Protein backbone atom coordinates (compact mmCIF):
# COMPACT_ATOMS: atom_id res chain seq x y z
CA MET A 1 96.40 121.83 142.38
CA ASN A 2 96.93 125.24 143.98
CA THR A 3 96.88 128.55 142.09
CA MET A 4 100.68 128.86 141.95
CA SER A 5 101.06 125.34 140.50
CA LEU A 6 98.31 126.02 137.97
CA LYS A 7 100.03 129.24 136.80
CA ARG A 8 103.38 127.43 136.52
CA PHE A 9 101.74 124.59 134.56
CA SER A 10 100.03 127.12 132.23
CA TRP A 11 103.33 128.92 131.61
CA ILE A 12 105.12 125.63 130.81
CA ALA A 13 102.30 124.53 128.50
CA PHE A 14 102.39 127.91 126.71
CA SER A 15 106.18 127.71 126.34
CA VAL A 16 106.03 124.21 124.88
CA CYS A 17 103.32 125.23 122.39
CA PHE A 18 105.31 128.33 121.39
CA VAL A 19 108.45 126.29 120.71
CA LEU A 20 106.52 123.69 118.72
CA ASN A 21 104.96 126.36 116.51
CA THR A 22 108.19 128.21 115.79
CA GLY A 23 111.50 126.98 114.42
CA CYS A 24 112.73 123.83 116.07
CA SER A 25 116.27 122.69 116.22
CA GLY A 26 117.44 119.13 116.54
CA GLY A 27 120.67 120.10 114.83
CA PRO A 28 122.90 123.08 114.15
CA GLU A 29 120.24 124.99 112.16
CA ASP A 30 116.59 125.82 112.79
CA THR A 31 114.11 123.70 110.85
CA TYR A 32 110.53 124.42 109.81
CA PRO A 33 107.75 121.98 108.90
CA VAL A 34 107.56 120.98 105.24
CA GLN A 35 104.88 118.72 103.82
CA GLY A 36 103.00 118.29 100.59
CA THR A 37 102.04 115.89 97.85
CA VAL A 38 103.74 114.45 94.79
CA THR A 39 101.68 113.88 91.65
CA VAL A 40 102.54 112.53 88.21
CA ASN A 41 100.25 113.76 85.43
CA GLY A 42 97.77 114.83 88.14
CA ALA A 43 97.63 111.46 89.94
CA PRO A 44 99.22 110.94 93.37
CA LEU A 45 102.52 109.04 93.29
CA ASP A 46 101.93 105.77 95.16
CA GLY A 47 104.98 105.57 97.42
CA GLY A 48 108.63 106.49 97.08
CA ASN A 49 110.92 109.20 98.46
CA VAL A 50 111.68 112.89 97.98
CA GLN A 51 115.04 114.48 98.61
CA PHE A 52 115.59 118.24 98.99
CA GLU A 53 119.23 119.35 98.51
CA LEU A 54 119.97 122.82 99.88
CA ILE A 55 121.38 125.13 97.18
CA THR A 56 121.99 128.08 99.50
CA ALA A 57 124.20 127.77 102.57
CA GLY A 58 122.70 127.39 106.04
CA GLU A 59 122.31 130.66 107.97
CA LYS A 60 124.21 129.61 111.09
CA THR A 61 126.85 127.15 109.88
CA GLY A 62 127.21 127.89 106.16
CA ASP A 63 126.69 124.16 105.51
CA ARG A 64 124.34 122.66 102.97
CA TYR A 65 121.82 120.15 104.25
CA THR A 66 119.64 117.43 102.79
CA ALA A 67 116.02 116.93 103.84
CA ARG A 68 114.27 113.66 103.04
CA GLY A 69 110.74 112.35 103.16
CA THR A 70 108.84 109.16 102.45
CA ILE A 71 105.91 109.40 100.04
CA ASP A 72 102.87 107.42 101.20
CA ALA A 73 100.25 105.68 99.04
CA THR A 74 98.28 108.96 98.70
CA GLY A 75 101.29 110.93 97.45
CA HIS A 76 101.77 112.79 100.78
CA TYR A 77 105.23 113.40 102.27
CA ARG A 78 106.73 115.18 105.29
CA LEU A 79 110.42 116.23 105.40
CA GLY A 80 113.08 115.62 108.01
CA THR A 81 116.66 116.95 108.12
CA PHE A 82 118.20 116.19 111.53
CA GLY A 83 115.43 113.87 112.71
CA GLU A 84 112.29 112.24 111.38
CA ASP A 85 109.70 114.81 110.27
CA ASP A 86 111.58 117.75 111.86
CA GLY A 87 111.31 119.81 108.67
CA ALA A 88 113.97 121.61 106.65
CA THR A 89 116.21 124.62 107.08
CA PRO A 90 115.17 127.80 105.24
CA GLY A 91 116.57 128.29 101.74
CA ARG A 92 116.35 127.25 98.10
CA TYR A 93 116.41 123.53 97.34
CA ARG A 94 116.94 121.35 94.29
CA VAL A 95 114.49 118.43 94.54
CA VAL A 96 114.61 114.84 93.29
CA VAL A 97 111.86 112.20 93.44
CA PHE A 98 112.36 108.44 93.61
CA PRO A 99 109.41 106.07 93.03
CA LYS A 100 108.66 103.08 95.22
CA VAL A 101 110.98 100.18 94.41
CA GLU A 102 109.25 96.84 93.92
CA GLU A 103 110.83 93.69 95.26
CA TRP A 104 111.22 90.83 92.78
CA ILE A 105 111.26 87.26 93.96
CA ASP A 106 112.14 85.53 90.69
CA ASP A 107 112.65 86.17 86.96
CA ASP A 108 108.91 85.80 86.21
CA SER A 109 107.97 88.62 88.56
CA ARG A 110 110.86 90.74 87.25
CA ALA A 111 109.50 90.49 83.69
CA SER A 112 106.13 91.84 84.81
CA ARG A 113 107.47 94.75 86.87
CA PRO A 114 105.51 97.99 86.63
CA GLN A 115 106.86 100.90 84.61
CA ASN A 116 108.52 103.70 86.60
CA PRO A 117 105.94 106.52 86.73
CA VAL A 118 108.57 109.19 87.55
CA PRO A 119 110.35 110.63 84.50
CA ARG A 120 114.11 109.96 84.73
CA LYS A 121 115.09 113.65 84.78
CA TYR A 122 113.44 114.09 88.22
CA SER A 123 115.59 111.34 89.80
CA SER A 124 118.96 113.07 89.40
CA LEU A 125 120.31 116.27 90.93
CA LYS A 126 122.12 116.93 87.63
CA THR A 127 118.97 116.90 85.51
CA THR A 128 116.07 117.89 87.77
CA ASP A 129 114.49 121.28 87.17
CA LEU A 130 112.53 121.15 90.43
CA VAL A 131 113.55 124.04 92.70
CA PHE A 132 111.54 125.11 95.76
CA GLU A 133 112.07 127.53 98.61
CA VAL A 134 111.56 126.61 102.26
CA LYS A 135 110.60 129.64 104.34
CA PRO A 136 110.89 130.11 108.13
CA GLU A 137 107.24 129.10 108.62
CA ASN A 138 104.99 126.10 107.98
CA ASN A 139 105.58 125.10 104.35
CA GLU A 140 103.19 123.28 102.03
CA ILE A 141 105.04 122.29 98.84
CA HIS A 142 103.23 120.34 96.13
CA ILE A 143 105.44 118.66 93.55
CA GLU A 144 103.67 118.20 90.20
CA LEU A 145 105.54 116.02 87.73
CA GLN A 146 104.67 115.60 84.05
CA SER A 147 105.64 112.63 81.92
CA GLY A 148 105.56 112.35 78.16
CA ARG A 149 102.86 109.63 78.22
């Protein structure tokens, strides 16, 4: 590789890294990485989904967007708005949490289903009191739920 090709390659590599570390856009608004954990009474939620509903309007379009993420067995999630894991647009969000749904094969397994660990109020946009802000940077948002044991 000659010197000119090496400089061009370095410039392209730098440009790609710069874009990946700043706001990305797979849609009409810029998105920024959002990840975190979900716990219930201090213990990680074993699976489920989080949904972030934008309260404030998007900066470019004035639209309100929804970001979603899957919660893994360790309680960790990563949000996506326009594509998988692409983050969320900046703004204030109302957040809901849905636990993992078990599949039942027959009535016997249905009778022994586990209790929902997520308090009902956190599963509805009308009743949730979870509000978080996504900033135009890397965001780490930990969602700590409390149940009435």
